[in-house]
Amino acid sequence: MKFQILYTKTASKDIQKLDRIVKSQIKKKIEIYIKNPLHYAKRLTDPRLGTYRWRIGNYRIVFDIDRENIIVLRIRHRRDVYK
């Protein structure tokens, strides 16, 4: 099953701040990951941040899954994402 990606306002702002090359890499990986999102995901220990995360290079994508939707909460550099 292929999921639909939804971005929160915060995640949309995070994307706009990214370098063009990084943005392209992240979009390509997300297209691969949405086919089987939990296979590539790691469960987060702090549920206040989100339920899962993907690692794409030095960036982390924090997200939740709701039936057929993947709700992207944050896209940040690994040093900043958990602060």
N, C-alpha and C. Protein backbone atom coordinates (compact mmCIF):
# COMPACT_ATOMS: atom_id res chain seq x y z
N MET A 1 0.84 -1.18 0.00
CA MET A 1 0.00 0.00 0.00
C MET A 1 0.89 1.24 0.00
N LYS A 2 0.56 2.19 -0.84
CA LYS A 2 1.31 3.43 -0.90
C LYS A 2 0.59 4.48 -0.07
N PHE A 3 1.35 5.15 0.74
CA PHE A 3 0.79 6.16 1.64
C PHE A 3 0.83 7.53 0.99
N GLN A 4 0.00 8.41 1.50
CA GLN A 4 0.00 9.80 1.07
C GLN A 4 0.78 10.60 2.11
N ILE A 5 1.61 11.52 1.65
CA ILE A 5 2.43 12.34 2.55
C ILE A 5 1.71 13.65 2.82
N LEU A 6 1.59 13.99 4.10
CA LEU A 6 1.05 15.27 4.53
C LEU A 6 2.11 15.98 5.36
N TYR A 7 2.28 17.27 5.16
CA TYR A 7 3.28 18.04 5.89
C TYR A 7 2.60 19.02 6.82
N THR A 8 3.09 19.11 8.05
CA THR A 8 2.59 20.13 8.96
C THR A 8 3.20 21.47 8.54
N LYS A 9 2.70 22.56 9.11
CA LYS A 9 3.25 23.87 8.80
C LYS A 9 4.73 23.94 9.18
N THR A 10 5.05 23.35 10.32
CA THR A 10 6.44 23.35 10.79
C THR A 10 7.33 22.59 9.82
N ALA A 11 6.88 21.45 9.35
CA ALA A 11 7.67 20.66 8.40
C ALA A 11 7.84 21.41 7.08
N SER A 12 6.80 22.10 6.65
CA SER A 12 6.89 22.88 5.41
C SER A 12 7.93 23.99 5.55
N LYS A 13 7.97 24.63 6.71
CA LYS A 13 8.98 25.67 6.96
C LYS A 13 10.37 25.06 6.98
N ASP A 14 10.49 23.88 7.59
CA ASP A 14 11.78 23.19 7.62
C ASP A 14 12.28 22.90 6.21
N ILE A 15 11.39 22.47 5.33
CA ILE A 15 11.76 22.16 3.95
C ILE A 15 12.25 23.41 3.22
N GLN A 16 11.56 24.52 3.43
CA GLN A 16 11.93 25.77 2.75
C GLN A 16 13.33 26.25 3.15
N LYS A 17 13.77 25.91 4.35
CA LYS A 17 15.08 26.35 4.84
C LYS A 17 16.22 25.49 4.30
N LEU A 18 15.91 24.35 3.72
CA LEU A 18 16.94 23.43 3.28
C LEU A 18 17.60 23.88 1.97
N ASP A 19 18.83 23.46 1.80
CA ASP A 19 19.57 23.66 0.57
C ASP A 19 18.87 22.90 -0.57
N ARG A 20 18.96 23.40 -1.77
CA ARG A 20 18.28 22.80 -2.92
C ARG A 20 18.69 21.34 -3.13
N ILE A 21 19.96 21.03 -2.98
CA ILE A 21 20.45 19.66 -3.19
C ILE A 21 19.92 18.72 -2.11
N VAL A 22 19.96 19.18 -0.86
CA VAL A 22 19.45 18.37 0.25
C VAL A 22 17.96 18.13 0.09
N LYS A 23 17.24 19.16 -0.31
CA LYS A 23 15.81 19.05 -0.53
C LYS A 23 15.50 17.98 -1.58
N SER A 24 16.27 17.97 -2.65
CA SER A 24 16.10 16.99 -3.72
C SER A 24 16.37 15.57 -3.21
N GLN A 25 17.44 15.40 -2.44
CA GLN A 25 17.76 14.08 -1.88
C GLN A 25 16.65 13.57 -0.97
N ILE A 26 16.14 14.45 -0.14
CA ILE A 26 15.09 14.06 0.80
C ILE A 26 13.82 13.67 0.05
N LYS A 27 13.44 14.43 -0.96
CA LYS A 27 12.24 14.10 -1.73
C LYS A 27 12.37 12.75 -2.42
N LYS A 28 13.55 12.46 -2.97
CA LYS A 28 13.76 11.16 -3.63
C LYS A 28 13.64 10.01 -2.64
N LYS A 29 14.23 10.17 -1.47
CA LYS A 29 14.18 9.11 -0.45
C LYS A 29 12.76 8.92 0.06
N ILE A 30 12.02 9.99 0.26
CA ILE A 30 10.65 9.87 0.74
C ILE A 30 9.81 9.07 -0.25
N GLU A 31 10.01 9.29 -1.54
CA GLU A 31 9.27 8.53 -2.55
C GLU A 31 9.55 7.03 -2.44
N ILE A 32 10.77 6.68 -2.07
CA ILE A 32 11.11 5.26 -1.86
C ILE A 32 10.50 4.76 -0.56
N TYR A 33 10.62 5.56 0.48
CA TYR A 33 10.20 5.14 1.82
C TYR A 33 8.69 4.98 1.97
N ILE A 34 7.90 5.74 1.22
CA ILE A 34 6.45 5.66 1.42
C ILE A 34 5.85 4.35 0.94
N LYS A 35 6.58 3.59 0.17
CA LYS A 35 6.07 2.28 -0.26
C LYS A 35 6.00 1.30 0.89
N ASN A 36 6.94 1.39 1.81
CA ASN A 36 6.96 0.54 3.00
C ASN A 36 7.60 1.34 4.14
N PRO A 37 6.87 2.29 4.72
CA PRO A 37 7.47 3.25 5.64
C PRO A 37 8.04 2.66 6.92
N LEU A 38 7.43 1.65 7.46
CA LEU A 38 7.90 1.11 8.74
C LEU A 38 9.17 0.28 8.59
N HIS A 39 9.41 -0.22 7.40
CA HIS A 39 10.64 -0.98 7.16
C HIS A 39 11.87 -0.09 7.33
N TYR A 40 11.77 1.15 6.90
CA TYR A 40 12.89 2.09 6.95
C TYR A 40 12.88 2.96 8.21
N ALA A 41 11.82 2.88 9.00
CA ALA A 41 11.65 3.78 10.14
C ALA A 41 12.21 3.20 11.43
N LYS A 42 12.49 4.11 12.34
CA LYS A 42 12.88 3.72 13.68
C LYS A 42 11.90 4.39 14.63
N ARG A 43 11.42 3.64 15.60
CA ARG A 43 10.46 4.16 16.57
C ARG A 43 11.18 5.08 17.55
N LEU A 44 10.58 6.23 17.84
CA LEU A 44 11.16 7.18 18.77
C LEU A 44 10.78 6.84 20.20
N THR A 45 11.67 7.12 21.13
CA THR A 45 11.39 6.82 22.54
C THR A 45 10.57 7.91 23.20
N ASP A 46 10.65 9.13 22.69
CA ASP A 46 9.89 10.25 23.25
C ASP A 46 8.69 10.53 22.35
N PRO A 47 7.48 10.13 22.75
CA PRO A 47 6.31 10.30 21.88
C PRO A 47 5.89 11.76 21.66
N ARG A 48 6.45 12.69 22.43
CA ARG A 48 6.10 14.10 22.23
C ARG A 48 6.65 14.63 20.91
N LEU A 49 7.73 14.04 20.43
CA LEU A 49 8.32 14.48 19.16
C LEU A 49 7.57 13.92 17.97
N GLY A 50 7.13 12.70 18.07
CA GLY A 50 6.49 11.98 17.00
C GLY A 50 6.64 10.50 17.28
N THR A 51 6.12 9.67 16.42
CA THR A 51 6.18 8.23 16.66
C THR A 51 7.39 7.59 15.99
N TYR A 52 7.72 8.03 14.78
CA TYR A 52 8.79 7.40 14.01
C TYR A 52 9.73 8.45 13.44
N ARG A 53 10.88 7.96 12.95
CA ARG A 53 11.80 8.84 12.22
C ARG A 53 12.49 8.06 11.12
N TRP A 54 12.80 8.78 10.05
CA TRP A 54 13.64 8.26 8.99
C TRP A 54 14.96 9.00 9.06
N ARG A 55 16.03 8.31 8.72
CA ARG A 55 17.35 8.92 8.66
C ARG A 55 17.72 9.04 7.19
N ILE A 56 17.98 10.26 6.76
CA ILE A 56 18.41 10.51 5.39
C ILE A 56 19.67 11.36 5.48
N GLY A 57 20.81 10.71 5.39
CA GLY A 57 22.08 11.40 5.56
C GLY A 57 22.17 12.00 6.95
N ASN A 58 22.44 13.29 7.03
CA ASN A 58 22.52 13.98 8.31
C ASN A 58 21.18 14.56 8.75
N TYR A 59 20.13 14.26 8.03
CA TYR A 59 18.81 14.81 8.35
C TYR A 59 17.89 13.73 8.88
N ARG A 60 16.96 14.15 9.73
CA ARG A 60 15.97 13.25 10.31
C ARG A 60 14.59 13.76 9.96
N ILE A 61 13.72 12.85 9.58
CA ILE A 61 12.33 13.18 9.29
C ILE A 61 11.49 12.51 10.36
N VAL A 62 10.85 13.31 11.19
CA VAL A 62 10.01 12.81 12.27
C VAL A 62 8.58 12.80 11.75
N PHE A 63 7.89 11.66 11.94
CA PHE A 63 6.55 11.54 11.38
C PHE A 63 5.67 10.61 12.20
N ASP A 64 4.38 10.71 11.95
CA ASP A 64 3.36 9.81 12.49
C ASP A 64 2.64 9.16 11.32
N ILE A 65 2.02 8.01 11.58
CA ILE A 65 1.24 7.33 10.55
C ILE A 65 -0.21 7.26 11.01
N ASP A 66 -1.11 7.66 10.12
CA ASP A 66 -2.54 7.63 10.40
C ASP A 66 -3.23 6.96 9.21
N ARG A 67 -3.55 5.70 9.35
CA ARG A 67 -4.16 4.88 8.29
C ARG A 67 -3.38 4.94 6.99
N GLU A 68 -3.82 5.75 6.02
CA GLU A 68 -3.13 5.82 4.73
C GLU A 68 -2.28 7.08 4.59
N ASN A 69 -2.11 7.82 5.67
CA ASN A 69 -1.36 9.07 5.61
C ASN A 69 -0.10 9.00 6.46
N ILE A 70 0.95 9.57 5.94
CA ILE A 70 2.16 9.80 6.72
C ILE A 70 2.20 11.29 6.98
N ILE A 71 2.17 11.67 8.24
CA ILE A 71 2.15 13.07 8.62
C ILE A 71 3.56 13.46 9.05
N VAL A 72 4.23 14.23 8.22
CA VAL A 72 5.59 14.67 8.51
C VAL A 72 5.53 15.84 9.47
N LEU A 73 6.19 15.67 10.62
CA LEU A 73 6.15 16.69 11.66
C LEU A 73 7.36 17.62 11.62
N ARG A 74 8.55 17.06 11.40
CA ARG A 74 9.78 17.85 11.37
C ARG A 74 10.75 17.28 10.36
N ILE A 75 11.54 18.14 9.77
CA ILE A 75 12.67 17.74 8.93
C ILE A 75 13.82 18.64 9.35
N ARG A 76 14.74 18.08 10.11
CA ARG A 76 15.83 18.88 10.67
C ARG A 76 17.14 18.13 10.60
N HIS A 77 18.23 18.87 10.75
CA HIS A 77 19.55 18.27 10.85
C HIS A 77 19.61 17.45 12.13
N ARG A 78 20.40 16.41 12.14
CA ARG A 78 20.43 15.49 13.27
C ARG A 78 20.83 16.16 14.58
N ARG A 79 21.62 17.23 14.52
CA ARG A 79 22.04 17.89 15.76
C ARG A 79 20.92 18.76 16.35
N ASP A 80 19.91 19.10 15.55
CA ASP A 80 18.86 20.01 16.01
C ASP A 80 17.49 19.36 16.19
N VAL A 81 17.27 18.21 15.63
CA VAL A 81 15.92 17.67 15.54
C VAL A 81 15.31 17.31 16.90
N TYR A 82 16.10 16.88 17.85
CA TYR A 82 15.55 16.42 19.12
C TYR A 82 15.55 17.48 20.20
N LYS A 83 15.92 18.70 19.87
CA LYS A 83 15.97 19.79 20.86
C LYS A 83 14.61 20.40 21.05
